[in-house]
Amino acid sequence: MNQPGNRMCGGILRLAFCVFIVSAPLWAQGEGASLFKAKCAACHGTDGSGNTAIGKSMKLRDLSSPEVQKQSDAELIAITANGKGAMPAYKDKLTSDQIKQIVGYMRELAKKK
């Protein structure tokens, strides 16, 4: 027998699942933004432009520029993980998922301009 309470519980579970599916990418984006601000913004700036004292002295490219954005996710992940030039490696400081979230956020920076 199907009790009204069972149907309501099933409906609530379906609703919770839908909310989770819809909000998961937003949470990941928020996490990427937080990680970027904590680990990258000192040099790259909060907007990724490289318009900071360190960024200017190192002649950093704008992360939203076509030159950076044309790189594959794998290339950007490798640079973030292994470092490049004076940029430190983050493979021992961040998980691979966190590095992917930062790269995802770098993609979002280009969409904002």
Protein backbone atom coordinates (compact mmCIF):
# COMPACT_ATOMS: atom_id res chain seq x y z
CA MET A 1 0.00 0.00 0.00
CA ASN A 2 1.25 3.48 -0.85
CA GLN A 3 0.83 5.78 2.12
CA PRO A 4 0.53 9.57 1.59
CA GLY A 5 3.58 10.08 3.83
CA ASN A 6 5.67 7.79 1.61
CA ARG A 7 4.70 9.78 -1.49
CA MET A 8 5.61 13.04 0.24
CA CYS A 9 8.96 11.65 1.35
CA GLY A 10 9.68 10.48 -2.18
CA GLY A 11 8.77 13.92 -3.53
CA ILE A 12 11.04 15.63 -1.03
CA LEU A 13 13.92 13.34 -1.97
CA ARG A 14 13.40 14.05 -5.68
CA LEU A 15 13.32 17.79 -4.98
CA ALA A 16 16.50 17.61 -2.88
CA PHE A 17 18.24 15.67 -5.66
CA CYS A 18 17.21 18.27 -8.26
CA VAL A 19 18.46 21.12 -6.06
CA PHE A 20 21.77 19.31 -5.60
CA ILE A 21 22.20 18.72 -9.36
CA VAL A 22 21.43 22.36 -10.19
CA SER A 23 23.58 23.87 -7.42
CA ALA A 24 26.66 21.62 -7.71
CA PRO A 25 28.23 23.58 -10.60
CA LEU A 26 27.58 26.86 -8.76
CA TRP A 27 29.28 25.51 -5.65
CA ALA A 28 32.27 24.35 -7.70
CA GLN A 29 32.51 27.78 -9.33
CA GLY A 30 32.43 29.39 -5.89
CA GLU A 31 35.15 27.06 -4.67
CA GLY A 32 37.26 27.85 -7.75
CA ALA A 33 36.84 31.57 -7.12
CA SER A 34 37.84 31.19 -3.47
CA LEU A 35 40.88 29.11 -4.35
CA PHE A 36 41.90 31.56 -7.09
CA LYS A 37 41.65 34.49 -4.70
CA ALA A 38 43.67 32.65 -2.04
CA LYS A 39 46.39 31.20 -4.27
CA CYS A 40 46.54 33.22 -7.51
CA ALA A 41 45.21 36.75 -7.01
CA ALA A 42 48.34 38.13 -5.34
CA CYS A 43 50.14 37.91 -8.69
CA HIS A 44 47.35 37.58 -11.26
CA GLY A 45 44.90 40.00 -9.62
CA THR A 46 41.35 39.17 -8.58
CA ASP A 47 40.22 39.66 -12.18
CA GLY A 48 43.10 37.64 -13.67
CA SER A 49 44.47 40.67 -15.52
CA GLY A 50 47.94 40.49 -13.95
CA ASN A 51 47.50 44.16 -13.08
CA THR A 52 49.30 43.90 -9.74
CA ALA A 53 52.79 45.02 -8.72
CA ILE A 54 54.08 41.47 -8.98
CA GLY A 55 52.12 40.78 -12.17
CA LYS A 56 53.49 43.90 -13.85
CA SER A 57 57.07 43.15 -12.81
CA MET A 58 56.78 39.60 -14.17
CA LYS A 59 54.87 40.77 -17.28
CA LEU A 60 52.06 38.30 -16.64
CA ARG A 61 49.50 37.82 -19.40
CA ASP A 62 45.85 38.51 -18.73
CA LEU A 63 44.29 35.11 -17.98
CA SER A 64 41.24 36.09 -20.02
CA SER A 65 43.38 36.86 -23.08
CA PRO A 66 42.98 34.75 -26.24
CA GLU A 67 46.56 33.47 -25.83
CA VAL A 68 45.77 31.97 -22.45
CA GLN A 69 42.20 30.92 -23.22
CA LYS A 70 43.23 28.99 -26.35
CA GLN A 71 45.26 26.63 -24.17
CA SER A 72 43.53 23.38 -23.33
CA ASP A 73 42.35 22.62 -19.82
CA ALA A 74 45.07 19.97 -19.64
CA GLU A 75 47.74 22.57 -20.44
CA LEU A 76 46.40 25.03 -17.86
CA ILE A 77 46.12 22.26 -15.27
CA ALA A 78 49.74 21.22 -15.95
CA ILE A 79 50.98 24.82 -15.60
CA THR A 80 49.08 25.28 -12.35
CA ALA A 81 50.19 21.93 -10.98
CA ASN A 82 53.84 22.08 -12.05
CA GLY A 83 54.48 25.82 -12.09
CA LYS A 84 56.03 27.81 -14.89
CA GLY A 85 58.94 30.21 -14.69
CA ALA A 86 58.68 32.01 -11.36
CA MET A 87 55.18 30.63 -10.73
CA PRO A 88 55.26 28.00 -7.98
CA ALA A 89 53.92 24.48 -8.43
CA TYR A 90 50.65 23.74 -6.65
CA LYS A 91 50.51 19.95 -7.08
CA ASP A 92 51.68 19.42 -3.50
CA LYS A 93 49.51 22.23 -2.07
CA LEU A 94 46.18 21.59 -3.82
CA THR A 95 44.29 18.48 -4.88
CA SER A 96 43.86 17.77 -8.58
CA ASP A 97 40.17 18.61 -8.19
CA GLN A 98 41.02 21.99 -6.65
CA ILE A 99 43.41 22.74 -9.53
CA LYS A 100 40.64 21.85 -12.01
CA GLN A 101 38.31 24.22 -10.16
CA ILE A 102 40.85 27.04 -10.47
CA VAL A 103 41.16 26.38 -14.21
CA GLY A 104 37.37 26.40 -14.47
CA TYR A 105 37.33 29.75 -12.73
CA MET A 106 39.99 31.05 -15.15
CA ARG A 107 37.58 30.15 -17.97
CA GLU A 108 34.84 32.12 -16.20
CA LEU A 109 37.09 35.20 -16.02
CA ALA A 110 37.17 35.35 -19.82
CA LYS A 111 33.37 35.24 -19.97
CA LYS A 112 33.12 38.24 -17.64
CA LYS A 113 35.03 40.53 -20.03
